[in-house]
Structure formats: structure tokens, C-alpha cells
Amino acid sequence: RRIAPPVALLSKIAPAAKTKPPKAPPAGTDADAAAFKAAGAILAVPTLPTLVAPDAVEQAFNVTHSGGWADPSAFARISDVQHFSNVVGTDCFALIALCALYVLADAAENARLDSATYQRLALALVLYAGSSTSGVALAVAAGALDPSLTPSPSIAALVGTTLAFAPAMAASASAITKYGGGIAGAKERASADLSLVSNLGDTSEKGGYLEYYYKLSFWASIVVGGAFAFSPLSPLAIVNEFTPSSQIVQRAFGLGAVFMLAPAQFVLLDACRRGRLGGGTFKKLNLAVAAAVAGIDAMTVYTFGAAQALSPDAAVLADASGGIYNYVGALAVSFSIFGVYLYQGIFARK
């Protein structure tokens, strides 16, 4: 008999080579990056001018307005000071949204949209944009259904809000669907994140006291923002008004705090826990939060002075739910947040 060569015998003994699983597609494409960049450019169009001159937004929302940054004595009514502060304060949260869109575009270019960090930011943008647009729609509908509830926001206000937020919401929802497991994946992450942030005493070795501070600042945003968003009375109101227009410009501030500021703070908390605050994404987010808080603080101090200059009497302030103690307490908390986040945005190391 012929003896088979050793190579042939070995080939029969060796197991068949396993087929390698197909390589996973990249978690981000140029198209995703372009969508986030376009969304950021579109959102910046109303955001940046409104910080300087909110008159156009106030007019579209049918709230009375006078005065501005240039001359605090130009305010004609105490309610105008209130409207100015609500619109400018609300607009500050859009700075965080613009930063989130920027880092999401960068993540798409580097195929990192499947990271929990960017999935959290995408979900925040969906919630922030969706709640803000829905709030304006409800205010418009309230005025249309009951004409006695006046003033209410104009159709132009609803269209403008929708056009500003829709691209960000669409790009973010697409990233969650394609790279984050869709609604089920988002819910699973949110549940785990809530469990982590609820346990105040659970801090990592790398996070330490700073992680504890991030947790406290997260809950401060949730509590204060929730009071603005879900109560007809503002905790810092000079006067409380109950028309659809005045209510939505007040509540929109709370929606920004709950759905944009607090999620960004959680992203930073998670980075702190992992010792990653020195990364580019997290330094940018820290600086964006610091910029938003600085804008809100500047607006608060400025409008308090403008309101005092009008010398309101007791009758005007009868329905006020704010007060000097709320004012001082809010500034103390926000100044501390500004200082810590600014420092981390500049000096944090990997």
C-alpha cells in the first residue's frame, strides 16, 4: 500500500479553520458627522443672537418686552424684566446643546458613536429638543382652544422652535437607533445611570470628592429645573404670570436644566468616576456648562438690579414666589458650579 505523505495525514487530523465573524461596521460615518454639524449650525442661528438681543424671541412669543443689556433703566415694566431673564436664561442651555452637537460630530468622524458617553448626549438632545418643541406646541394649542388665554405664542414661534431643534433631534435619534440599541438600549443605560447617581455615597477611587460634587450638582439641576418646568410658580419669579406665553418662557428654562444641563453633568460625573475628565470631550463639556452657568448668573444679577431700579411696590410683588433668600441661595450654588466646572475644563488631566 502507498503511505500517505505526512502533510496529507496532518490535514485530515487538523480541525477545519473557523470562519471569522464579519467585522462590525464603524460606529459613525461622514454622513452622521455632517448631520450633527448641520444641526449645530442651524441651532446656532437663533441661539447666539438671542443671548445678546432677545427682543425677536420675546415678540414671537407675544410677551411684553422693553430694555436690554445696554440700559437696565430702559425696562418699562417689572414683567418685562421677568420675560427678559427667562428668555436669556433659557437660551444659555442651548450653549451646552451646541457643544454636545460638536463633540457628537467629532465622535462620528472617529467612529465612536457607540460609546455610552455619546449615546447619553444624543439622548439628552432628543429629550431637550423634543420637550422644548412640545412645550411651545402645547402653549400655542392652549391659546387656540381657549381665546381667553392670551397672550399665547405665535405660530411663528412654534415654526421657529421646530426648525431650530428638529435637525438636532433627528441626528441624535438616528445615532441612538443605529449605534446605541434603539429605545431599549437607551432605557437600559438610563436605568443604570439613575441607579448610580442615586447612590450618593458610591464614589470610585479615581472620582473621590469631585465625583460626589458632580452628583450633587446633577441633583441640584434636577430639583431646581423641575421646579421651573413642572410648577406654575417659578422659585425665582419676580412676578408670576399664568398666560400660555409667560408660562412657556418660564418653564422652558426648567426643561433646559432637566434635559440638557443635568445629562451633561452626568456625562462628566461618569468621566470623573473613570478618571477621564482630561479628555477633549469632557473638557469641552465642562467649559460649555461653565459658560451656560456664567450667562445665567450674569442675567440674574443684571435683572435683579433692573427690577430694583423700577422700585416695585407691594401690590406688584404680591404674587412673587422668589425672594432675596432664594436669590442669594441660587447665586451661591451657581457660582460654585461655575468655578468647579471652569477649573476642570481648563486644568483637568487624563
Protein backbone atom coordinates (compact mmCIF):
# COMPACT_ATOMS: atom_id res chain seq x y z
CA ARG A 1 0.00 0.00 0.00
CA ARG A 2 1.04 3.58 -0.61
CA ILE A 3 1.61 5.55 2.56
CA ALA A 4 0.05 8.99 2.53
CA PRO A 5 2.54 11.81 2.96
CA PRO A 6 2.69 13.39 6.46
CA VAL A 7 1.16 16.68 5.21
CA ALA A 8 -1.94 14.85 3.95
CA LEU A 9 -2.30 12.99 7.26
CA LEU A 10 -1.99 16.21 9.27
CA SER A 11 -4.60 17.95 7.12
CA LYS A 12 -7.09 15.19 7.99
CA ILE A 13 -6.35 15.44 11.73
CA ALA A 14 -6.41 19.28 11.95
CA PRO A 15 -9.85 20.79 12.56
CA ALA A 16 -11.38 22.89 9.86
CA ALA A 17 -10.48 26.56 10.18
CA LYS A 18 -13.19 28.63 11.89
CA THR A 19 -14.83 31.37 9.87
CA LYS A 20 -14.14 34.78 11.36
CA PRO A 21 -17.24 36.81 12.17
CA PRO A 22 -17.74 39.77 9.86
CA LYS A 23 -16.17 42.99 11.09
CA ALA A 24 -18.66 45.32 12.77
CA PRO A 25 -19.48 48.42 10.75
CA PRO A 26 -17.91 51.64 12.02
CA ALA A 27 -19.91 53.42 14.73
CA GLY A 28 -20.19 56.64 12.78
CA THR A 29 -19.89 57.84 9.21
CA ASP A 30 -19.15 61.06 7.38
CA ALA A 31 -22.89 61.42 6.82
CA ASP A 32 -23.52 61.22 10.58
CA ALA A 33 -20.84 63.84 11.21
CA ALA A 34 -22.31 66.12 8.55
CA ALA A 35 -25.78 65.77 10.11
CA PHE A 36 -24.51 66.82 13.54
CA LYS A 37 -22.53 69.73 12.10
CA ALA A 38 -25.55 70.96 10.13
CA ALA A 39 -27.75 70.62 13.23
CA GLY A 40 -25.27 72.69 15.23
CA ALA A 41 -25.10 75.41 12.58
CA ILE A 42 -28.90 75.60 12.39
CA LEU A 43 -29.33 75.75 16.18
CA ALA A 44 -26.66 78.44 16.46
CA VAL A 45 -28.64 80.79 14.17
CA PRO A 46 -31.27 81.70 16.81
CA THR A 47 -29.18 80.81 19.89
CA LEU A 48 -26.26 83.23 19.65
CA PRO A 49 -28.16 86.42 18.67
CA THR A 50 -30.79 85.77 21.38
CA LEU A 51 -28.12 85.86 24.08
CA VAL A 52 -27.36 89.44 23.09
CA ALA A 53 -30.79 90.70 21.99
CA PRO A 54 -33.81 88.54 22.90
CA ASP A 55 -36.40 91.01 21.56
CA ALA A 56 -37.24 88.97 18.45
CA VAL A 57 -37.95 85.85 20.51
CA GLU A 58 -39.98 87.81 23.06
CA GLN A 59 -42.03 89.31 20.24
CA ALA A 60 -42.65 85.90 18.62
CA PHE A 61 -43.80 84.52 21.97
CA ASN A 62 -46.08 87.53 22.48
CA VAL A 63 -44.64 88.60 25.82
CA THR A 64 -44.12 92.26 26.63
CA HIS A 65 -40.56 93.48 26.30
CA SER A 66 -38.51 96.61 26.77
CA GLY A 67 -34.98 97.30 27.88
CA GLY A 68 -31.98 95.08 27.32
CA TRP A 69 -28.35 94.55 28.19
CA ALA A 70 -27.32 98.06 27.14
CA ASP A 71 -29.52 100.03 29.52
CA PRO A 72 -31.19 98.47 32.58
CA SER A 73 -33.18 101.67 33.14
CA ALA A 74 -34.97 101.16 29.81
CA PHE A 75 -37.24 98.45 31.22
CA ALA A 76 -40.76 99.88 31.42
CA ARG A 77 -42.44 97.17 33.50
CA ILE A 78 -41.33 94.64 36.07
CA SER A 79 -42.87 91.87 33.96
CA ASP A 80 -40.56 92.87 31.09
CA VAL A 81 -37.58 92.20 33.34
CA GLN A 82 -39.03 88.78 34.11
CA HIS A 83 -39.53 87.95 30.41
CA PHE A 84 -36.00 89.09 29.54
CA SER A 85 -34.47 86.94 32.28
CA ASN A 86 -36.47 83.85 31.32
CA VAL A 87 -35.62 84.06 27.61
CA VAL A 88 -31.91 84.78 28.11
CA GLY A 89 -31.58 82.17 30.86
CA THR A 90 -33.30 79.53 28.75
CA ASP A 91 -31.08 80.35 25.78
CA CYS A 92 -27.95 79.66 27.84
CA PHE A 93 -28.75 75.94 27.94
CA ALA A 94 -28.57 75.85 24.14
CA LEU A 95 -24.82 76.52 24.50
CA ILE A 96 -24.50 73.07 26.08
CA ALA A 97 -26.55 71.61 23.23
CA LEU A 98 -24.23 73.23 20.68
CA CYS A 99 -21.21 71.73 22.46
CA ALA A 100 -22.91 68.31 22.51
CA LEU A 101 -23.53 68.51 18.76
CA TYR A 102 -19.89 69.46 18.19
CA VAL A 103 -18.47 66.52 20.16
CA LEU A 104 -21.00 64.15 18.57
CA ALA A 105 -19.82 65.24 15.12
CA ASP A 106 -16.24 64.54 16.20
CA ALA A 107 -17.28 61.14 17.59
CA ALA A 108 -18.96 60.29 14.28
CA GLU A 109 -15.78 61.13 12.37
CA ASN A 110 -13.82 58.85 14.69
CA ALA A 111 -16.43 56.03 14.70
CA ARG A 112 -17.15 56.33 18.43
CA LEU A 113 -20.90 56.94 18.44
CA ASP A 114 -21.49 53.57 20.12
CA SER A 115 -19.75 54.84 23.27
CA ALA A 116 -22.05 55.33 26.28
CA THR A 117 -20.80 58.92 26.58
CA TYR A 118 -22.08 59.93 23.15
CA GLN A 119 -25.24 57.88 23.47
CA ARG A 120 -26.08 59.79 26.65
CA LEU A 121 -25.52 63.11 24.91
CA ALA A 122 -27.63 62.03 21.94
CA LEU A 123 -30.49 61.05 24.26
CA ALA A 124 -30.20 64.38 26.08
CA LEU A 125 -30.53 66.25 22.79
CA VAL A 126 -33.62 64.24 21.84
CA LEU A 127 -35.26 64.96 25.20
CA TYR A 128 -34.23 68.62 25.29
CA ALA A 129 -35.30 69.36 21.73
CA GLY A 130 -38.46 67.28 21.98
CA SER A 131 -39.64 68.73 25.29
CA SER A 132 -38.93 72.32 24.23
CA THR A 133 -40.79 71.94 20.94
CA SER A 134 -43.69 70.11 22.59
CA GLY A 135 -43.94 72.79 25.28
CA VAL A 136 -44.29 75.55 22.69
CA ALA A 137 -46.83 73.47 20.75
CA LEU A 138 -48.94 72.99 23.90
CA ALA A 139 -48.82 76.71 24.67
CA VAL A 140 -49.96 77.55 21.12
CA ALA A 141 -52.73 74.93 21.34
CA ALA A 142 -53.91 76.29 24.70
CA GLY A 143 -54.36 79.74 23.19
CA ALA A 144 -56.11 78.36 20.11
CA LEU A 145 -58.56 76.23 22.12
CA ASP A 146 -59.40 78.98 24.60
CA PRO A 147 -59.00 82.50 23.16
CA SER A 148 -59.44 83.94 26.66
CA LEU A 149 -55.99 82.53 27.49
CA THR A 150 -54.00 85.35 25.99
CA PRO A 151 -51.38 86.02 25.06
CA SER A 152 -50.11 82.74 23.65
CA PRO A 153 -47.07 82.13 21.43
CA SER A 154 -47.47 82.87 17.73
CA ILE A 155 -47.34 80.22 15.02
CA ALA A 156 -44.01 81.79 14.02
CA ALA A 157 -42.66 80.90 17.48
CA LEU A 158 -43.69 77.27 17.03
CA VAL A 159 -42.28 77.06 13.50
CA GLY A 160 -39.02 78.71 14.54
CA THR A 161 -38.59 76.41 17.56
CA THR A 162 -39.31 73.34 15.44
CA LEU A 163 -36.89 74.35 12.68
CA ALA A 164 -34.15 75.12 15.22
CA PHE A 165 -34.43 71.82 17.09
CA ALA A 166 -35.61 69.27 14.51
CA PRO A 167 -32.19 68.62 12.87
CA ALA A 168 -30.52 68.02 16.26
CA MET A 169 -33.32 65.70 17.33
CA ALA A 170 -33.21 63.76 14.05
CA ALA A 171 -29.42 63.32 14.01
CA SER A 172 -29.38 62.23 17.65
CA ALA A 173 -32.29 59.81 17.28
CA SER A 174 -30.55 58.27 14.26
CA ALA A 175 -27.34 57.74 16.26
CA ILE A 176 -29.28 56.06 19.08
CA THR A 177 -31.11 53.79 16.63
CA LYS A 178 -28.02 52.81 14.61
CA TYR A 179 -25.35 52.57 17.30
CA GLY A 180 -26.99 52.53 20.73
CA GLY A 181 -29.53 49.73 20.65
CA GLY A 182 -32.51 51.99 19.99
CA ILE A 183 -35.12 52.74 22.66
CA ALA A 184 -34.36 49.52 24.57
CA GLY A 185 -30.66 50.36 24.79
CA ALA A 186 -31.38 53.94 25.86
CA LYS A 187 -33.76 52.77 28.59
CA GLU A 188 -31.24 50.24 29.88
CA ARG A 189 -28.48 52.87 30.08
CA ALA A 190 -30.80 55.41 31.72
CA SER A 191 -31.86 52.89 34.36
CA ALA A 192 -28.24 52.01 35.22
CA ASP A 193 -27.26 55.69 35.26
CA LEU A 194 -30.13 56.61 37.59
CA SER A 195 -29.13 53.83 39.95
CA LEU A 196 -25.54 55.12 40.02
CA VAL A 197 -26.37 58.79 40.58
CA SER A 198 -28.95 57.96 43.26
CA ASN A 199 -26.28 56.30 45.40
CA LEU A 200 -24.53 59.42 46.63
CA GLY A 201 -22.08 57.51 48.81
CA ASP A 202 -20.83 55.28 45.99
CA THR A 203 -17.75 57.04 44.64
CA SER A 204 -14.81 55.47 42.85
CA GLU A 205 -11.19 55.73 43.94
CA LYS A 206 -10.45 57.94 40.93
CA GLY A 207 -13.54 60.11 41.38
CA GLY A 208 -13.44 60.78 45.11
CA TYR A 209 -14.92 64.03 46.42
CA LEU A 210 -15.12 65.54 42.93
CA GLU A 211 -17.41 62.72 41.83
CA TYR A 212 -19.56 63.42 44.88
CA TYR A 213 -19.73 67.09 43.87
CA TYR A 214 -20.81 66.19 40.34
CA LYS A 215 -23.60 64.05 41.79
CA LEU A 216 -24.81 66.90 43.98
CA SER A 217 -24.73 69.39 41.10
CA PHE A 218 -26.69 66.91 38.96
CA TRP A 219 -29.44 66.70 41.59
CA ALA A 220 -29.42 70.48 42.05
CA SER A 221 -30.20 70.86 38.34
CA ILE A 222 -32.95 68.25 38.51
CA VAL A 223 -34.62 69.79 41.58
CA VAL A 224 -34.36 73.45 40.52
CA GLY A 225 -35.09 72.69 36.87
CA GLY A 226 -38.05 70.54 37.84
CA ALA A 227 -39.46 73.39 39.93
CA PHE A 228 -39.31 75.69 36.90
CA ALA A 229 -40.54 73.14 34.37
CA PHE A 230 -43.34 71.37 36.18
CA SER A 231 -44.76 74.01 38.52
CA PRO A 232 -46.77 77.09 37.53
CA LEU A 233 -44.80 79.05 40.14
CA SER A 234 -41.16 79.84 39.48
CA PRO A 235 -38.84 79.57 42.51
CA LEU A 236 -37.10 82.79 41.41
CA ALA A 237 -40.02 84.75 39.94
CA ILE A 238 -40.19 88.49 40.39
CA VAL A 239 -43.84 88.21 39.38
CA ASN A 240 -45.81 85.11 38.45
CA GLU A 241 -47.95 85.24 35.31
CA PHE A 242 -50.25 82.49 34.11
CA THR A 243 -50.78 83.13 30.40
CA PRO A 244 -49.56 80.46 27.93
CA SER A 245 -46.83 82.81 26.67
CA SER A 246 -45.37 83.70 30.05
CA GLN A 247 -45.68 80.13 31.32
CA ILE A 248 -43.76 78.57 28.42
CA VAL A 249 -40.87 81.07 28.58
CA GLN A 250 -40.64 80.31 32.31
CA ARG A 251 -40.99 76.54 32.02
CA ALA A 252 -38.58 76.28 29.08
CA PHE A 253 -35.80 77.29 31.49
CA GLY A 254 -36.60 74.25 33.62
CA LEU A 255 -36.75 71.96 30.59
CA GLY A 256 -33.24 73.06 29.63
CA ALA A 257 -31.94 72.40 33.14
CA VAL A 258 -33.55 68.95 33.45
CA PHE A 259 -32.99 67.61 29.94
CA MET A 260 -29.74 69.30 28.81
CA LEU A 261 -27.74 70.54 31.79
CA ALA A 262 -28.32 67.57 34.10
CA PRO A 263 -27.47 64.90 31.46
CA ALA A 264 -24.27 66.78 30.58
CA GLN A 265 -23.42 66.81 34.27
CA PHE A 266 -23.96 63.06 34.43
CA VAL A 267 -21.62 62.54 31.48
CA LEU A 268 -18.98 64.49 33.41
CA LEU A 269 -19.73 62.53 36.57
CA ASP A 270 -19.14 59.28 34.67
CA ALA A 271 -15.89 60.63 33.22
CA CYS A 272 -14.78 61.71 36.70
CA ARG A 273 -15.56 58.24 38.03
CA ARG A 274 -13.29 56.75 35.36
CA GLY A 275 -10.53 59.35 35.72
CA ARG A 276 -11.16 60.71 32.21
CA LEU A 277 -12.01 64.38 32.80
CA GLY A 278 -8.85 65.41 30.96
CA GLY A 279 -10.22 64.06 27.66
CA GLY A 280 -11.12 66.60 24.99
CA THR A 281 -14.83 65.81 25.01
CA PHE A 282 -15.11 66.29 28.77
CA LYS A 283 -13.05 69.48 28.90
CA LYS A 284 -15.31 70.98 26.25
CA LEU A 285 -18.44 69.92 28.14
CA ASN A 286 -17.10 71.36 31.39
CA LEU A 287 -16.42 74.67 29.65
CA ALA A 288 -19.86 74.66 27.99
CA VAL A 289 -21.57 74.12 31.35
CA ALA A 290 -19.42 76.88 32.88
CA ALA A 291 -20.36 79.25 30.03
CA ALA A 292 -24.08 78.47 30.41
CA VAL A 293 -23.99 78.98 34.18
CA ALA A 294 -21.97 82.21 33.79
CA GLY A 295 -24.60 83.53 31.38
CA ILE A 296 -27.41 82.66 33.78
CA ASP A 297 -25.57 84.25 36.71
CA ALA A 298 -24.89 87.44 34.74
CA MET A 299 -28.54 87.61 33.71
CA THR A 300 -29.71 87.03 37.31
CA VAL A 301 -27.53 89.77 38.79
CA TYR A 302 -28.37 92.20 35.97
CA THR A 303 -32.13 91.69 36.08
CA PHE A 304 -32.21 91.88 39.88
CA GLY A 305 -30.68 95.34 39.61
CA ALA A 306 -33.08 96.31 36.81
CA ALA A 307 -36.07 95.17 38.87
CA GLN A 308 -34.85 97.10 41.91
CA ALA A 309 -34.48 100.23 39.78
CA LEU A 310 -38.20 100.08 38.97
CA SER A 311 -38.97 100.29 42.72
CA PRO A 312 -41.87 97.80 42.63
CA ASP A 313 -44.45 98.26 45.36
CA ALA A 314 -46.06 95.56 47.48
CA ALA A 315 -49.04 95.22 45.13
CA VAL A 316 -46.79 94.45 42.16
CA LEU A 317 -44.86 91.84 44.14
CA ALA A 318 -47.90 90.25 45.79
CA ASP A 319 -47.68 87.16 43.57
CA ALA A 320 -43.90 86.82 43.66
CA SER A 321 -42.61 83.38 44.61
CA GLY A 322 -38.96 84.40 44.55
CA GLY A 323 -37.22 86.45 47.21
CA ILE A 324 -33.86 87.57 48.49
CA TYR A 325 -33.15 84.21 50.16
CA ASN A 326 -33.92 82.24 47.01
CA TYR A 327 -31.88 84.75 45.01
CA VAL A 328 -28.79 84.57 47.23
CA GLY A 329 -29.04 80.77 47.56
CA ALA A 330 -29.34 80.29 43.80
CA LEU A 331 -26.34 82.51 43.12
CA ALA A 332 -24.22 80.77 45.75
CA VAL A 333 -24.91 77.36 44.20
CA SER A 334 -24.44 78.50 40.61
CA PHE A 335 -21.21 80.41 41.35
CA SER A 336 -19.74 77.27 42.91
CA ILE A 337 -20.80 75.22 39.88
CA PHE A 338 -19.26 77.80 37.56
CA GLY A 339 -15.95 77.76 39.45
CA VAL A 340 -15.58 73.97 39.62
CA TYR A 341 -16.63 73.33 36.02
CA LEU A 342 -14.42 76.11 34.66
CA TYR A 343 -11.42 74.78 36.58
CA GLN A 344 -11.98 71.24 35.32
CA GLY A 345 -12.48 72.49 31.77
CA ILE A 346 -9.08 74.19 31.84
CA PHE A 347 -6.89 72.15 34.18
CA ALA A 348 -8.26 68.57 34.31
CA ARG A 349 -5.70 65.93 33.37
CA LYS A 350 -6.12 62.47 31.92
